[in-house]
C-alpha atoms as a PDB file:
ATOM      1  CA  MET A   1      14.856 -34.336  71.107  1.00  0.00           C
ATOM      2  CA  LEU A   2      12.753 -32.829  68.236  1.00  0.00           C
ATOM      3  CA  PRO A   3      10.601 -31.726  70.841  1.00  0.00           C
ATOM      4  CA  VAL A   4      12.899 -29.436  72.685  1.00  0.00           C
ATOM      5  CA  SER A   5      14.446 -28.218  69.022  1.00  0.00           C
ATOM      6  CA  ALA A   6      10.690 -27.402  68.165  1.00  0.00           C
ATOM      7  CA  ALA A   7      10.277 -25.404  71.785  1.00  0.00           C
ATOM      8  CA  GLY A   8      13.781 -24.006  71.363  1.00  0.00           C
ATOM      9  CA  ALA A   9      13.139 -22.627  68.161  1.00  0.00           C
ATOM     10  CA  TRP A  10       9.893 -21.399  69.412  1.00  0.00           C
ATOM     11  CA  GLY A  11      10.655 -19.594  72.372  1.00  0.00           C
ATOM     12  CA  THR A  12      13.898 -17.685  70.285  1.00  0.00           C
ATOM     13  CA  PHE A  13      11.798 -16.971  67.028  1.00  0.00           C
ATOM     14  CA  VAL A  14       8.102 -16.835  67.645  1.00  0.00           C
ATOM     15  CA  SER A  15       6.885 -16.037  70.491  1.00  0.00           C
ATOM     16  CA  PRO A  16       5.829 -12.720  71.912  1.00  0.00           C
ATOM     17  CA  LYS A  17       8.858 -12.319  74.414  1.00  0.00           C
ATOM     18  CA  ARG A  18      11.085 -13.509  71.360  1.00  0.00           C
ATOM     19  CA  ARG A  19      14.831 -12.870  71.566  1.00  0.00           C
ATOM     20  CA  VAL A  20      15.749 -12.612  67.882  1.00  0.00           C
ATOM     21  CA  ARG A  21      13.134 -10.889  65.904  1.00  0.00           C
ATOM     22  CA  ARG A  22      14.534 -11.412  62.140  1.00  0.00           C
ATOM     23  CA  GLY A  23      11.327 -10.181  60.555  1.00  0.00           C
ATOM     24  CA  GLU A  24       8.291 -11.914  60.009  1.00  0.00           C
ATOM     25  CA  PRO A  25       8.721 -13.855  57.485  1.00  0.00           C
ATOM     26  CA  LEU A  26      11.553 -15.957  59.437  1.00  0.00           C
ATOM     27  CA  ARG A  27       8.668 -16.205  62.635  1.00  0.00           C
ATOM     28  CA  TYR A  28       5.862 -17.885  60.192  1.00  0.00           C
ATOM     29  CA  ALA A  29       8.468 -20.158  58.635  1.00  0.00           C
ATOM     30  CA  ILE A  30       9.207 -21.240  61.774  1.00  0.00           C
ATOM     31  CA  GLU A  31       6.061 -21.377  63.154  1.00  0.00           C
ATOM     32  CA  LEU A  32       4.163 -22.833  60.438  1.00  0.00           C
ATOM     33  CA  ALA A  33       7.904 -25.581  60.385  1.00  0.00           C
ATOM     34  CA  VAL A  34       6.460 -26.038  64.062  1.00  0.00           C
ATOM     35  CA  PHE A  35       2.940 -26.970  63.863  1.00  0.00           C
ATOM     36  CA  VAL A  36       3.532 -29.463  59.814  1.00  0.00           C
ATOM     37  CA  GLY A  37       5.508 -31.397  62.220  1.00  0.00           C
ATOM     38  CA  GLY A  38       3.307 -31.957  65.029  1.00  0.00           C
ATOM     39  CA  ALA A  39       0.518 -32.570  62.873  1.00  0.00           C
ATOM     40  CA  LEU A  40       3.257 -34.590  60.371  1.00  0.00           C
ATOM     41  CA  SER A  41       3.542 -36.789  64.143  1.00  0.00           C
ATOM     42  CA  PHE A  42       0.091 -37.403  64.820  1.00  0.00           C
ATOM     43  CA  TRP A  43       0.060 -38.576  61.281  1.00  0.00           C
ATOM     44  CA  ALA A  44       2.866 -40.769  60.849  1.00  0.00           C
ATOM     45  CA  VAL A  45       1.722 -42.756  64.114  1.00  0.00           C
ATOM     46  CA  GLY A  46      -2.353 -43.298  62.765  1.00  0.00           C
ATOM     47  CA  GLN A  47      -3.834 -40.654  64.441  1.00  0.00           C
ATOM     48  CA  HIS A  48      -5.431 -39.267  61.492  1.00  0.00           C
ATOM     49  CA  VAL A  49      -8.326 -37.510  63.266  1.00  0.00           C
ATOM     50  CA  LEU A  50      -6.113 -35.781  65.448  1.00  0.00           C
ATOM     51  CA  ALA A  51      -3.915 -34.817  62.829  1.00  0.00           C
ATOM     52  CA  VAL A  52      -6.234 -33.319  60.417  1.00  0.00           C
ATOM     53  CA  VAL A  53      -7.947 -31.378  64.131  1.00  0.00           C
ATOM     54  CA  PHE A  54      -4.707 -30.056  64.528  1.00  0.00           C
ATOM     55  CA  ALA A  55      -3.499 -28.899  61.476  1.00  0.00           C
ATOM     56  CA  SER A  56      -6.994 -27.239  61.224  1.00  0.00           C
ATOM     57  CA  ALA A  57      -6.869 -25.851  64.930  1.00  0.00           C
ATOM     58  CA  ALA A  58      -3.558 -24.297  64.103  1.00  0.00           C
ATOM     59  CA  LEU A  59      -4.636 -23.534  60.606  1.00  0.00           C
ATOM     60  CA  VAL A  60      -7.357 -20.553  62.210  1.00  0.00           C
ATOM     61  CA  SER A  61      -5.105 -19.854  64.983  1.00  0.00           C
ATOM     62  CA  GLY A  62      -2.793 -18.471  63.029  1.00  0.00           C
ATOM     63  CA  ALA A  63      -4.949 -16.706  60.315  1.00  0.00           C
ATOM     64  CA  LEU A  64      -6.805 -15.364  63.992  1.00  0.00           C
ATOM     65  CA  ASP A  65      -4.085 -13.866  64.802  1.00  0.00           C
ATOM     66  CA  ARG A  66      -2.350 -12.308  62.332  1.00  0.00           C
ATOM     67  CA  VAL A  67      -5.852 -10.435  61.788  1.00  0.00           C
END
């Protein structure tokens, strides 16, 4: 259920063709929550290296997107 909720929030508030435009702070907060949730999910199932790699890739991607 949580992945479906994350996908719905992403499509509604974060994607380039999003239907709801509430400002950049909300967009960044949801984007951060989705990626942190993904990294924490990897960590919770014991995939620590993958969690760190995923979080690092998300951080670099987000930084490059803002430039």
